[in-house]
Amino acid sequence: MMQVPSDVFAPIIGIGTLITFVTVALIALRYARYRIPGRFSPRLDPGRDQMLEDLQARVGELEEMRHRMVELEERLDFAERLLAGPGGASGRLPPARPNTQESRPVTPT
């Protein structure tokens, strides 16, 4: 049989022990982070719920703004097509529609 010299055997045992210790420590910390309430647990942060609600409200506002932007783009496209139509090149607006309701001054009684 072949013998391993002691000057090689001791560092191999030391490195193996160190790797085992680090692995066990990482597993224990990961377990503590998700299973044990306290400072390791990200799920129990009291400000996290409020921050999440604020972010959801901001996303809702952004969605609303996006819908408004789409509507404004459609209106702008319509106005461009209207101006580019017959008479649009000269910068004239189409004739106004006749007012169907009579305008009467309001008199106090």
N, C-alpha and C. Protein backbone atom coordinates (compact mmCIF):
# COMPACT_ATOMS: atom_id res chain seq x y z
N MET A 1 0.81 -1.18 0.00
CA MET A 1 0.00 0.00 0.00
C MET A 1 0.86 1.25 0.00
N MET A 2 0.26 2.26 -0.51
CA MET A 2 0.98 3.52 -0.60
C MET A 2 0.62 4.41 0.58
N GLN A 3 1.58 4.98 1.21
CA GLN A 3 1.33 5.86 2.35
C GLN A 3 1.37 7.32 1.89
N VAL A 4 0.47 8.11 2.48
CA VAL A 4 0.43 9.54 2.18
C VAL A 4 1.31 10.22 3.22
N PRO A 5 2.24 11.03 2.79
CA PRO A 5 3.09 11.72 3.76
C PRO A 5 2.28 12.66 4.65
N SER A 6 2.70 12.82 5.87
CA SER A 6 1.96 13.64 6.84
C SER A 6 1.93 15.11 6.46
N ASP A 7 2.93 15.60 5.75
CA ASP A 7 2.91 17.01 5.37
C ASP A 7 1.87 17.29 4.28
N VAL A 8 1.35 16.27 3.59
CA VAL A 8 0.28 16.43 2.60
C VAL A 8 -1.07 16.10 3.24
N PHE A 9 -1.08 15.12 4.12
CA PHE A 9 -2.32 14.64 4.72
C PHE A 9 -2.97 15.70 5.61
N ALA A 10 -2.21 16.41 6.41
CA ALA A 10 -2.76 17.40 7.34
C ALA A 10 -3.46 18.55 6.60
N PRO A 11 -2.88 19.15 5.56
CA PRO A 11 -3.59 20.22 4.85
C PRO A 11 -4.86 19.73 4.15
N ILE A 12 -4.85 18.49 3.65
CA ILE A 12 -6.05 17.96 3.00
C ILE A 12 -7.18 17.85 4.01
N ILE A 13 -6.89 17.34 5.20
CA ILE A 13 -7.90 17.24 6.26
C ILE A 13 -8.38 18.63 6.67
N GLY A 14 -7.48 19.58 6.78
CA GLY A 14 -7.84 20.95 7.17
C GLY A 14 -8.73 21.62 6.14
N ILE A 15 -8.39 21.48 4.86
CA ILE A 15 -9.21 22.08 3.79
C ILE A 15 -10.58 21.41 3.73
N GLY A 16 -10.62 20.10 3.87
CA GLY A 16 -11.90 19.39 3.87
C GLY A 16 -12.79 19.82 5.03
N THR A 17 -12.19 19.99 6.20
CA THR A 17 -12.94 20.45 7.37
C THR A 17 -13.47 21.85 7.16
N LEU A 18 -12.64 22.71 6.59
CA LEU A 18 -13.06 24.10 6.33
C LEU A 18 -14.22 24.15 5.34
N ILE A 19 -14.14 23.39 4.26
CA ILE A 19 -15.22 23.35 3.27
C ILE A 19 -16.50 22.83 3.90
N THR A 20 -16.40 21.81 4.72
CA THR A 20 -17.59 21.26 5.40
C THR A 20 -18.19 22.28 6.34
N PHE A 21 -17.35 22.96 7.12
CA PHE A 21 -17.84 23.96 8.07
C PHE A 21 -18.55 25.11 7.34
N VAL A 22 -17.96 25.61 6.26
CA VAL A 22 -18.57 26.72 5.51
C VAL A 22 -19.90 26.28 4.91
N THR A 23 -19.97 25.08 4.37
CA THR A 23 -21.22 24.58 3.80
C THR A 23 -22.32 24.48 4.84
N VAL A 24 -21.99 23.92 5.99
CA VAL A 24 -22.98 23.79 7.07
C VAL A 24 -23.42 25.18 7.56
N ALA A 25 -22.49 26.11 7.67
CA ALA A 25 -22.83 27.46 8.12
C ALA A 25 -23.76 28.15 7.13
N LEU A 26 -23.50 28.02 5.84
CA LEU A 26 -24.37 28.64 4.83
C LEU A 26 -25.77 28.04 4.86
N ILE A 27 -25.85 26.73 5.02
CA ILE A 27 -27.16 26.09 5.10
C ILE A 27 -27.90 26.56 6.34
N ALA A 28 -27.22 26.67 7.47
CA ALA A 28 -27.85 27.13 8.70
C ALA A 28 -28.33 28.57 8.58
N LEU A 29 -27.53 29.43 7.96
CA LEU A 29 -27.94 30.83 7.78
C LEU A 29 -29.14 30.94 6.84
N ARG A 30 -29.14 30.17 5.80
CA ARG A 30 -30.27 30.19 4.88
C ARG A 30 -31.54 29.72 5.58
N TYR A 31 -31.42 28.68 6.39
CA TYR A 31 -32.57 28.19 7.15
C TYR A 31 -33.05 29.26 8.13
N ALA A 32 -32.12 29.89 8.83
CA ALA A 32 -32.48 30.92 9.81
C ALA A 32 -33.13 32.11 9.13
N ARG A 33 -32.70 32.44 7.95
CA ARG A 33 -33.23 33.61 7.25
C ARG A 33 -34.71 33.44 6.92
N TYR A 34 -35.13 32.23 6.56
CA TYR A 34 -36.51 32.02 6.14
C TYR A 34 -37.40 31.38 7.19
N ARG A 35 -36.82 30.74 8.18
CA ARG A 35 -37.65 30.01 9.14
C ARG A 35 -37.75 30.67 10.51
N ILE A 36 -36.76 31.38 10.90
CA ILE A 36 -36.75 31.95 12.24
C ILE A 36 -37.09 33.44 12.15
N PRO A 37 -38.18 33.88 12.80
CA PRO A 37 -38.51 35.31 12.74
C PRO A 37 -37.45 36.14 13.46
N GLY A 38 -37.27 37.31 12.96
CA GLY A 38 -36.26 38.17 13.57
C GLY A 38 -35.55 38.99 12.52
N ARG A 39 -34.32 39.31 12.79
CA ARG A 39 -33.62 40.21 11.89
C ARG A 39 -33.16 39.55 10.60
N PHE A 40 -33.14 38.24 10.53
CA PHE A 40 -32.73 37.56 9.30
C PHE A 40 -33.87 37.45 8.30
N SER A 41 -35.10 37.56 8.75
CA SER A 41 -36.24 37.28 7.90
C SER A 41 -36.65 38.51 7.09
N PRO A 42 -36.54 38.48 5.77
CA PRO A 42 -36.96 39.61 4.97
C PRO A 42 -38.48 39.72 4.86
N ARG A 43 -39.19 38.64 5.15
CA ARG A 43 -40.65 38.66 5.03
C ARG A 43 -41.33 39.44 6.15
N LEU A 44 -40.66 39.63 7.26
CA LEU A 44 -41.29 40.27 8.41
C LEU A 44 -40.89 41.74 8.57
N ASP A 45 -40.32 42.34 7.55
CA ASP A 45 -39.93 43.74 7.61
C ASP A 45 -41.19 44.61 7.64
N PRO A 46 -41.40 45.42 8.71
CA PRO A 46 -42.64 46.18 8.82
C PRO A 46 -42.79 47.26 7.74
N GLY A 47 -41.73 47.83 7.25
CA GLY A 47 -41.83 48.87 6.23
C GLY A 47 -42.00 48.31 4.83
N ARG A 48 -41.80 47.01 4.69
CA ARG A 48 -41.86 46.40 3.36
C ARG A 48 -43.27 46.42 2.79
N ASP A 49 -44.27 46.17 3.62
CA ASP A 49 -45.66 46.18 3.14
C ASP A 49 -46.05 47.57 2.65
N GLN A 50 -45.68 48.60 3.40
CA GLN A 50 -46.00 49.97 3.00
C GLN A 50 -45.29 50.32 1.70
N MET A 51 -44.04 49.91 1.59
CA MET A 51 -43.28 50.19 0.37
C MET A 51 -43.92 49.48 -0.83
N LEU A 52 -44.37 48.25 -0.63
CA LEU A 52 -45.01 47.51 -1.69
C LEU A 52 -46.30 48.19 -2.13
N GLU A 53 -47.09 48.67 -1.18
CA GLU A 53 -48.33 49.38 -1.52
C GLU A 53 -48.03 50.67 -2.28
N ASP A 54 -46.99 51.40 -1.87
CA ASP A 54 -46.60 52.62 -2.58
C ASP A 54 -46.19 52.32 -4.01
N LEU A 55 -45.42 51.26 -4.19
CA LEU A 55 -44.99 50.89 -5.54
C LEU A 55 -46.16 50.46 -6.41
N GLN A 56 -47.11 49.74 -5.82
CA GLN A 56 -48.28 49.34 -6.58
C GLN A 56 -49.11 50.55 -6.98
N ALA A 57 -49.22 51.54 -6.09
CA ALA A 57 -49.95 52.76 -6.42
C ALA A 57 -49.25 53.52 -7.55
N ARG A 58 -47.92 53.57 -7.51
CA ARG A 58 -47.17 54.24 -8.57
C ARG A 58 -47.34 53.53 -9.91
N VAL A 59 -47.34 52.21 -9.88
CA VAL A 59 -47.54 51.46 -11.12
C VAL A 59 -48.93 51.74 -11.68
N GLY A 60 -49.93 51.82 -10.81
CA GLY A 60 -51.28 52.15 -11.26
C GLY A 60 -51.34 53.53 -11.89
N GLU A 61 -50.66 54.50 -11.28
CA GLU A 61 -50.63 55.85 -11.85
C GLU A 61 -49.94 55.85 -13.21
N LEU A 62 -48.85 55.09 -13.32
CA LEU A 62 -48.14 55.03 -14.60
C LEU A 62 -49.00 54.38 -15.68
N GLU A 63 -49.76 53.36 -15.32
CA GLU A 63 -50.66 52.73 -16.29
C GLU A 63 -51.72 53.72 -16.74
N GLU A 64 -52.26 54.49 -15.80
CA GLU A 64 -53.26 55.49 -16.15
C GLU A 64 -52.65 56.55 -17.08
N MET A 65 -51.43 56.99 -16.78
CA MET A 65 -50.77 57.96 -17.65
C MET A 65 -50.50 57.39 -19.03
N ARG A 66 -50.16 56.12 -19.07
CA ARG A 66 -49.91 55.49 -20.37
C ARG A 66 -51.17 55.46 -21.21
N HIS A 67 -52.31 55.15 -20.58
CA HIS A 67 -53.58 55.14 -21.31
C HIS A 67 -53.92 56.55 -21.81
N ARG A 68 -53.66 57.54 -20.97
CA ARG A 68 -53.92 58.92 -21.41
C ARG A 68 -53.00 59.30 -22.56
N MET A 69 -51.75 58.87 -22.51
CA MET A 69 -50.80 59.17 -23.57
C MET A 69 -51.25 58.55 -24.89
N VAL A 70 -51.73 57.30 -24.83
CA VAL A 70 -52.22 56.64 -26.03
C VAL A 70 -53.40 57.42 -26.61
N GLU A 71 -54.31 57.86 -25.75
CA GLU A 71 -55.46 58.64 -26.21
C GLU A 71 -55.01 59.95 -26.84
N LEU A 72 -54.04 60.62 -26.22
CA LEU A 72 -53.54 61.88 -26.79
C LEU A 72 -52.85 61.65 -28.13
N GLU A 73 -52.12 60.55 -28.26
CA GLU A 73 -51.49 60.23 -29.54
C GLU A 73 -52.53 60.02 -30.62
N GLU A 74 -53.62 59.33 -30.28
CA GLU A 74 -54.69 59.11 -31.25
C GLU A 74 -55.32 60.44 -31.66
N ARG A 75 -55.54 61.32 -30.70
CA ARG A 75 -56.11 62.62 -31.03
C ARG A 75 -55.18 63.43 -31.91
N LEU A 76 -53.89 63.39 -31.63
CA LEU A 76 -52.91 64.11 -32.44
C LEU A 76 -52.88 63.55 -33.86
N ASP A 77 -52.91 62.23 -33.99
CA ASP A 77 -52.94 61.63 -35.32
C ASP A 77 -54.18 62.07 -36.09
N PHE A 78 -55.32 62.10 -35.41
CA PHE A 78 -56.56 62.54 -36.05
C PHE A 78 -56.44 63.99 -36.51
N ALA A 79 -55.90 64.83 -35.64
CA ALA A 79 -55.76 66.24 -36.02
C ALA A 79 -54.80 66.41 -37.19
N GLU A 80 -53.72 65.65 -37.22
CA GLU A 80 -52.78 65.72 -38.34
C GLU A 80 -53.44 65.27 -39.63
N ARG A 81 -54.21 64.20 -39.59
CA ARG A 81 -54.91 63.74 -40.79
C ARG A 81 -55.95 64.75 -41.23
N LEU A 82 -56.62 65.37 -40.27
CA LEU A 82 -57.63 66.37 -40.61
C LEU A 82 -56.99 67.56 -41.29
N LEU A 83 -55.85 68.01 -40.79
CA LEU A 83 -55.17 69.15 -41.39
C LEU A 83 -54.51 68.78 -42.71
N ALA A 84 -54.13 67.52 -42.89
CA ALA A 84 -53.49 67.11 -44.13
C ALA A 84 -54.51 66.83 -45.23
N GLY A 85 -55.79 66.79 -44.91
CA GLY A 85 -56.84 66.52 -45.89
C GLY A 85 -57.03 67.70 -46.82
N PRO A 86 -58.14 67.72 -47.56
CA PRO A 86 -58.40 68.82 -48.49
C PRO A 86 -58.44 70.15 -47.74
N GLY A 87 -57.65 71.09 -48.21
CA GLY A 87 -57.58 72.41 -47.57
C GLY A 87 -56.65 72.44 -46.38
N GLY A 88 -56.12 71.32 -45.98
CA GLY A 88 -55.23 71.27 -44.83
C GLY A 88 -53.87 71.86 -45.13
N ALA A 89 -53.43 71.75 -46.37
CA ALA A 89 -52.12 72.25 -46.72
C ALA A 89 -52.06 73.77 -46.65
N SER A 90 -53.21 74.44 -46.88
CA SER A 90 -53.22 75.90 -46.83
C SER A 90 -53.37 76.41 -45.40
N GLY A 91 -53.57 75.51 -44.47
CA GLY A 91 -53.66 75.92 -43.06
C GLY A 91 -55.06 76.31 -42.64
N ARG A 92 -56.03 76.11 -43.53
CA ARG A 92 -57.41 76.46 -43.16
C ARG A 92 -58.04 75.34 -42.35
N LEU A 93 -58.87 75.71 -41.44
CA LEU A 93 -59.63 74.73 -40.67
C LEU A 93 -60.93 74.43 -41.38
N PRO A 94 -61.50 73.27 -41.17
CA PRO A 94 -62.80 72.98 -41.79
C PRO A 94 -63.85 73.92 -41.23
N PRO A 95 -64.93 74.16 -41.99
CA PRO A 95 -65.97 75.07 -41.50
C PRO A 95 -66.61 74.53 -40.23
N ALA A 96 -66.96 75.44 -39.38
CA ALA A 96 -67.58 75.06 -38.11
C ALA A 96 -68.99 74.57 -38.35
N ARG A 97 -69.43 73.66 -37.51
CA ARG A 97 -70.80 73.16 -37.62
C ARG A 97 -71.75 74.22 -37.07
N PRO A 98 -72.91 74.33 -37.69
CA PRO A 98 -73.86 75.32 -37.18
C PRO A 98 -74.35 74.92 -35.79
N ASN A 99 -74.53 75.91 -34.94
CA ASN A 99 -74.98 75.68 -33.57
C ASN A 99 -76.47 75.40 -33.61
N THR A 100 -76.90 74.27 -33.08
CA THR A 100 -78.31 73.88 -33.13
C THR A 100 -79.10 74.49 -31.97
N GLN A 101 -78.41 74.91 -30.93
CA GLN A 101 -79.11 75.53 -29.80
C GLN A 101 -78.92 77.03 -29.86
N GLU A 102 -79.99 77.72 -29.57
CA GLU A 102 -79.89 79.18 -29.55
C GLU A 102 -79.23 79.63 -28.26
N SER A 103 -78.40 80.63 -28.40
CA SER A 103 -77.78 81.20 -27.23
C SER A 103 -78.62 82.38 -26.76
N ARG A 104 -79.10 82.30 -25.59
CA ARG A 104 -79.89 83.38 -25.01
C ARG A 104 -79.15 83.90 -23.79
N PRO A 105 -79.09 85.19 -23.65
CA PRO A 105 -78.49 85.72 -22.45
C PRO A 105 -79.33 85.37 -21.22
N VAL A 106 -78.69 85.09 -20.17
CA VAL A 106 -79.39 84.74 -18.92
C VAL A 106 -79.74 86.04 -18.22
N THR A 107 -81.01 86.21 -17.97
CA THR A 107 -81.45 87.41 -17.26
C THR A 107 -81.97 87.01 -15.89
N PRO A 108 -81.55 87.71 -14.87
CA PRO A 108 -82.06 87.36 -13.55
C PRO A 108 -83.52 87.72 -13.42
N THR A 109 -84.28 86.92 -12.74
CA THR A 109 -85.72 87.17 -12.55
C THR A 109 -86.03 87.62 -11.16
